[in-house]
C-alpha atoms as a PDB file:
ATOM      1  CA  MET A   1     125.188  70.671 108.333  1.00  0.00           C
ATOM      2  CA  ALA A   2     123.789  73.726 109.457  1.00  0.00           C
ATOM      3  CA  ILE A   3     125.534  75.641 112.248  1.00  0.00           C
ATOM      4  CA  THR A   4     122.690  76.715 114.776  1.00  0.00           C
ATOM      5  CA  LYS A   5     123.300  78.331 118.027  1.00  0.00           C
ATOM      6  CA  TYR A   6     120.303  78.782 120.787  1.00  0.00           C
ATOM      7  CA  THR A   7     121.061  81.112 123.920  1.00  0.00           C
ATOM      8  CA  CYS A   8     119.406  80.482 127.501  1.00  0.00           C
ATOM      9  CA  LEU A   9     117.092  83.173 128.189  1.00  0.00           C
ATOM     10  CA  VAL A  10     117.654  82.655 131.875  1.00  0.00           C
ATOM     11  CA  CYS A  11     121.455  82.645 132.167  1.00  0.00           C
ATOM     12  CA  GLY A  12     122.765  83.474 128.609  1.00  0.00           C
ATOM     13  CA  TYR A  13     124.546  80.214 128.245  1.00  0.00           C
ATOM     14  CA  VAL A  14     124.853  79.775 124.175  1.00  0.00           C
ATOM     15  CA  TYR A  15     124.240  76.129 123.061  1.00  0.00           C
ATOM     16  CA  ASP A  16     126.658  75.528 119.794  1.00  0.00           C
ATOM     17  CA  SER A  17     125.667  72.391 117.537  1.00  0.00           C
ATOM     18  CA  VAL A  18     129.214  72.309 116.242  1.00  0.00           C
ATOM     19  CA  HIS A  19     130.203  71.696 119.916  1.00  0.00           C
ATOM     20  CA  GLY A  20     127.453  69.948 121.465  1.00  0.00           C
ATOM     21  CA  ASP A  21     127.539  69.497 125.366  1.00  0.00           C
ATOM     22  CA  PRO A  22     129.799  66.431 125.708  1.00  0.00           C
ATOM     23  CA  ASP A  23     129.463  66.542 129.507  1.00  0.00           C
ATOM     24  CA  GLN A  24     125.977  65.967 129.137  1.00  0.00           C
ATOM     25  CA  GLY A  25     126.436  63.091 126.514  1.00  0.00           C
ATOM     26  CA  ILE A  26     125.546  65.434 123.692  1.00  0.00           C
ATOM     27  CA  ALA A  27     128.086  64.743 120.811  1.00  0.00           C
ATOM     28  CA  PRO A  28     129.220  67.576 118.500  1.00  0.00           C
ATOM     29  CA  GLY A  29     127.235  68.142 115.589  1.00  0.00           C
ATOM     30  CA  THR A  30     123.969  67.554 117.175  1.00  0.00           C
ATOM     31  CA  LEU A  31     121.554  70.182 116.160  1.00  0.00           C
ATOM     32  CA  PHE A  32     119.213  71.744 118.894  1.00  0.00           C
ATOM     33  CA  ASP A  33     115.934  70.173 117.613  1.00  0.00           C
ATOM     34  CA  ASP A  34     117.587  66.698 118.035  1.00  0.00           C
ATOM     35  CA  LEU A  35     118.540  67.277 121.942  1.00  0.00           C
ATOM     36  CA  PRO A  36     116.659  65.117 124.166  1.00  0.00           C
ATOM     37  CA  GLU A  37     113.442  66.593 125.722  1.00  0.00           C
ATOM     38  CA  ASP A  38     115.210  66.330 129.343  1.00  0.00           C
ATOM     39  CA  TRP A  39     118.135  68.019 128.507  1.00  0.00           C
ATOM     40  CA  THR A  40     118.968  71.328 130.314  1.00  0.00           C
ATOM     41  CA  CYS A  41     121.107  74.123 130.455  1.00  0.00           C
ATOM     42  CA  PRO A  42     124.318  73.197 131.502  1.00  0.00           C
ATOM     43  CA  LYS A  43     125.042  76.365 133.426  1.00  0.00           C
ATOM     44  CA  CYS A  44     121.659  77.169 135.044  1.00  0.00           C
ATOM     45  CA  GLY A  45     119.647  73.739 134.737  1.00  0.00           C
ATOM     46  CA  ALA A  46     116.831  75.729 132.723  1.00  0.00           C
ATOM     47  CA  PRO A  47     114.875  73.200 130.279  1.00  0.00           C
ATOM     48  CA  LEU A  48     114.671  73.500 126.456  1.00  0.00           C
ATOM     49  CA  MET A  49     111.613  75.740 126.114  1.00  0.00           C
ATOM     50  CA  ASP A  50     114.071  78.640 127.913  1.00  0.00           C
ATOM     51  CA  PHE A  51     116.177  78.525 124.907  1.00  0.00           C
ATOM     52  CA  THR A  52     115.835  80.968 121.987  1.00  0.00           C
ATOM     53  CA  GLU A  53     117.615  80.561 118.298  1.00  0.00           C
ATOM     54  CA  VAL A  54     120.659  83.030 117.834  1.00  0.00           C
ATOM     55  CA  VAL A  55     119.664  84.964 114.639  1.00  0.00           C
ATOM     56  CA  ARG A  56     122.357  86.171 112.535  1.00  0.00           C
ATOM     57  CA  ASN A  57     122.087  89.684 110.772  1.00  0.00           C
ATOM     58  CA  THR A  58     121.418  89.176 107.609  1.00  0.00           C
ATOM     59  CA  SER A  59     121.466  92.787 106.284  1.00  0.00           C
ATOM     60  CA  GLU A  60     123.196  93.499 102.888  1.00  0.00           C
ATOM     61  CA  VAL A  61     126.500  94.802 102.787  1.00  0.00           C
ATOM     62  CA  ILE A  62     127.633  97.338 100.181  1.00  0.00           C
ATOM     63  CA  ILE A  63     131.020  97.506  98.862  1.00  0.00           C
ATOM     64  CA  GLU A  64     132.226 100.532  97.080  1.00  0.00           C
ATOM     65  CA  GLU A  65     134.462  99.814  94.526  1.00  0.00           C
ATOM     66  CA  GLU A  66     137.634 101.909  93.722  1.00  0.00           C
ATOM     67  CA  PRO A  67     137.800 103.181  89.959  1.00  0.00           C
ATOM     68  CA  VAL A  68     140.118 101.228  87.516  1.00  0.00           C
ATOM     69  CA  LYS A  69     143.197 102.794  86.671  1.00  0.00           C
ATOM     70  CA  ASP A  70     142.904 102.675  82.810  1.00  0.00           C
ATOM     71  CA  GLU A  71     138.957 103.154  82.909  1.00  0.00           C
ATOM     72  CA  PRO A  72     137.844 106.748  81.395  1.00  0.00           C
ATOM     73  CA  THR A  73     136.823 109.119  84.435  1.00  0.00           C
ATOM     74  CA  LYS A  74     133.217 110.410  84.017  1.00  0.00           C
ATOM     75  CA  VAL A  75     132.971 113.910  84.319  1.00  0.00           C
ATOM     76  CA  ILE A  76     129.686 115.512  85.665  1.00  0.00           C
ATOM     77  CA  LYS A  77     129.013 119.288  84.511  1.00  0.00           C
ATOM     78  CA  LYS A  78     127.374 121.522  86.775  1.00  0.00           C
ATOM     79  CA  LYS A  79     125.499 124.423  85.516  1.00  0.00           C
ATOM     80  CA  LYS A  80     124.724 127.779  87.806  1.00  0.00           C
ATOM     81  CA  VAL A  81     121.594 128.439  87.573  1.00  0.00           C
ATOM     82  CA  GLU A  82     120.308 132.007  89.124  1.00  0.00           C
ATOM     83  CA  LEU A  83     117.165 132.077  90.942  1.00  0.00           C
ATOM     84  CA  PRO A  84     114.586 135.130  90.186  1.00  0.00           C
ATOM     85  CA  LYS A  85     115.252 137.940  92.751  1.00  0.00           C
ATOM     86  CA  LYS A  86     112.218 138.568  95.168  1.00  0.00           C
ATOM     87  CA  ASN A  87     110.196 141.604  94.467  1.00  0.00           C
ATOM     88  CA  GLU A  88     111.222 144.227  97.198  1.00  0.00           C
ATOM     89  CA  GLU A  89     108.474 146.069  98.560  1.00  0.00           C
END
């Protein structure tokens, strides 16, 4: 089952489908889309249309690996390059 959360735009209450809303007869596991049309925010009474889905940031996570002990180390040689001198006038 997908875990979905919706936030009330009026008061900030978060409806979490994992917990449902037992005080209003909504069982745990009830998806937001399955709530009855007359369900309202338990904090402020706002209707369903005043809720927005909480979107998680799915940006890529980059993990840097540490070198393996027995793996040979790569050596990068740098070469010094002299730039031509400017003509002095």
